[in-house]
Amino acid sequence: MEASTEETGKIISLAEVKNILKKISKERTELIYEQKTALEHAEKFAKLSAKQTKDLITDLMKLDHVDELQAYKIADILPNTEDDIRAIFAKERYTPNDKEIKNILETVKKHSVE
């Protein structure tokens, strides 16, 4: 039996959640309430495909100052202002400087859908 993401502690993006729930909905006749709500949320807010999101996360993690959790948050939110980036890093021990924030924004812009 395959371990769930909850058991393994693996982080997944909103786009991956959408794909997983769509797959489950095809296998079952009906999703439970929580799954329906999560799928609606994912469909509404996941702006990139799972592959595009994975590529963005990979590029973000190449930046020295972005760890995996932050990369996933950035990929899910797709921030477009410096303040958005600062909000993501607000509770972190490390706060990126202006140049690092610009690098993050450029990376997001490169992968974003217009």
Protein backbone atom coordinates (compact mmCIF):
# COMPACT_ATOMS: atom_id res chain seq x y z
CA MET A 1 0.00 0.00 0.00
CA GLU A 2 1.31 3.44 -0.94
CA ALA A 3 1.94 5.88 1.91
CA SER A 4 -0.14 9.03 1.89
CA THR A 5 1.49 12.46 1.77
CA GLU A 6 0.35 13.00 5.36
CA GLU A 7 2.28 9.94 6.48
CA THR A 8 5.42 10.86 4.54
CA GLY A 9 5.27 14.60 5.28
CA LYS A 10 5.78 15.44 1.60
CA ILE A 11 4.82 18.92 0.49
CA ILE A 12 2.60 19.11 -2.58
CA SER A 13 1.48 22.08 -4.62
CA LEU A 14 -2.08 23.23 -5.20
CA ALA A 15 -1.82 22.06 -8.82
CA GLU A 16 -0.85 18.58 -7.61
CA VAL A 17 -3.79 18.59 -5.17
CA LYS A 18 -6.07 19.43 -8.08
CA ASN A 19 -4.71 16.54 -10.16
CA ILE A 20 -4.98 14.06 -7.28
CA LEU A 21 -8.56 15.04 -6.47
CA LYS A 22 -9.61 14.95 -10.13
CA LYS A 23 -8.15 11.45 -10.37
CA ILE A 24 -10.03 10.38 -7.24
CA SER A 25 -13.27 11.88 -8.57
CA LYS A 26 -12.96 9.80 -11.74
CA GLU A 27 -12.41 6.62 -9.70
CA ARG A 28 -15.33 7.21 -7.33
CA THR A 29 -18.91 8.17 -7.95
CA GLU A 30 -18.74 11.09 -5.53
CA LEU A 31 -16.16 12.97 -3.48
CA ILE A 32 -16.73 13.58 0.21
CA TYR A 33 -17.48 17.16 1.29
CA GLU A 34 -13.90 18.06 2.25
CA GLN A 35 -12.54 16.70 -1.03
CA LYS A 36 -15.13 18.65 -3.03
CA THR A 37 -14.24 21.83 -1.18
CA ALA A 38 -10.51 21.26 -1.66
CA LEU A 39 -11.02 20.54 -5.37
CA GLU A 40 -13.10 23.70 -5.84
CA HIS A 41 -10.40 25.73 -4.08
CA ALA A 42 -7.63 24.14 -6.15
CA GLU A 43 -9.51 24.72 -9.42
CA LYS A 44 -10.11 28.34 -8.48
CA PHE A 45 -6.60 29.21 -7.30
CA ALA A 46 -4.14 26.88 -9.07
CA LYS A 47 -3.09 29.05 -11.99
CA LEU A 48 -0.35 26.81 -13.38
CA SER A 49 -0.36 23.18 -14.43
CA ALA A 50 1.38 20.63 -12.21
CA LYS A 51 4.35 20.52 -14.60
CA GLN A 52 4.65 24.31 -14.76
CA THR A 53 4.43 24.47 -10.97
CA LYS A 54 7.11 21.79 -10.58
CA ASP A 55 9.40 23.69 -13.00
CA LEU A 56 8.85 26.92 -11.06
CA ILE A 57 9.59 25.19 -7.74
CA THR A 58 12.78 23.70 -9.20
CA ASP A 59 13.94 27.13 -10.40
CA LEU A 60 13.05 28.78 -7.09
CA MET A 61 15.00 26.17 -5.12
CA LYS A 62 18.08 26.95 -7.22
CA LEU A 63 18.08 30.36 -5.53
CA ASP A 64 20.23 30.23 -2.39
CA HIS A 65 17.72 31.88 -0.10
CA VAL A 66 14.56 29.86 -0.93
CA ASP A 67 13.90 26.53 0.78
CA GLU A 68 11.40 23.87 -0.31
CA LEU A 69 8.44 25.06 1.77
CA GLN A 70 8.89 28.66 0.65
CA ALA A 71 9.22 27.55 -2.99
CA TYR A 72 5.90 25.70 -2.75
CA LYS A 73 4.21 28.70 -1.10
CA ILE A 74 5.53 31.01 -3.80
CA ALA A 75 4.44 28.62 -6.57
CA ASP A 76 0.92 28.36 -5.12
CA ILE A 77 0.48 32.09 -4.53
CA LEU A 78 2.41 33.43 -7.57
CA PRO A 79 3.25 36.74 -5.90
CA ASN A 80 3.74 39.74 -8.15
CA THR A 81 4.91 42.42 -5.72
CA GLU A 82 7.80 42.80 -3.32
CA ASP A 83 5.34 43.06 -0.44
CA ASP A 84 3.84 39.68 -1.37
CA ILE A 85 7.31 38.11 -1.14
CA ARG A 86 7.97 39.83 2.18
CA ALA A 87 4.67 38.44 3.52
CA ILE A 88 5.71 34.89 2.58
CA PHE A 89 9.01 35.33 4.42
CA ALA A 90 7.50 37.29 7.35
CA LYS A 91 7.73 34.47 9.90
CA GLU A 92 10.98 33.02 8.61
CA ARG A 93 14.34 33.45 10.29
CA TYR A 94 15.80 34.79 7.05
CA THR A 95 14.35 37.76 5.21
CA PRO A 96 15.56 38.20 1.62
CA ASN A 97 17.10 41.51 0.62
CA ASP A 98 15.77 43.65 -2.25
CA LYS A 99 17.98 41.97 -4.87
CA GLU A 100 16.89 38.49 -3.75
CA ILE A 101 13.23 39.56 -3.81
CA LYS A 102 13.67 40.84 -7.37
CA ASN A 103 15.23 37.49 -8.36
CA ILE A 104 12.23 35.65 -6.92
CA LEU A 105 9.79 37.94 -8.73
CA GLU A 106 11.67 37.51 -12.03
CA THR A 107 11.59 33.73 -11.63
CA VAL A 108 7.85 33.77 -10.91
CA LYS A 109 7.19 36.11 -13.84
CA LYS A 110 9.13 33.80 -16.16
CA HIS A 111 6.79 30.91 -15.28
CA SER A 112 3.50 32.79 -14.80
CA VAL A 113 0.53 32.64 -17.09
CA GLU A 114 -0.68 35.98 -18.34
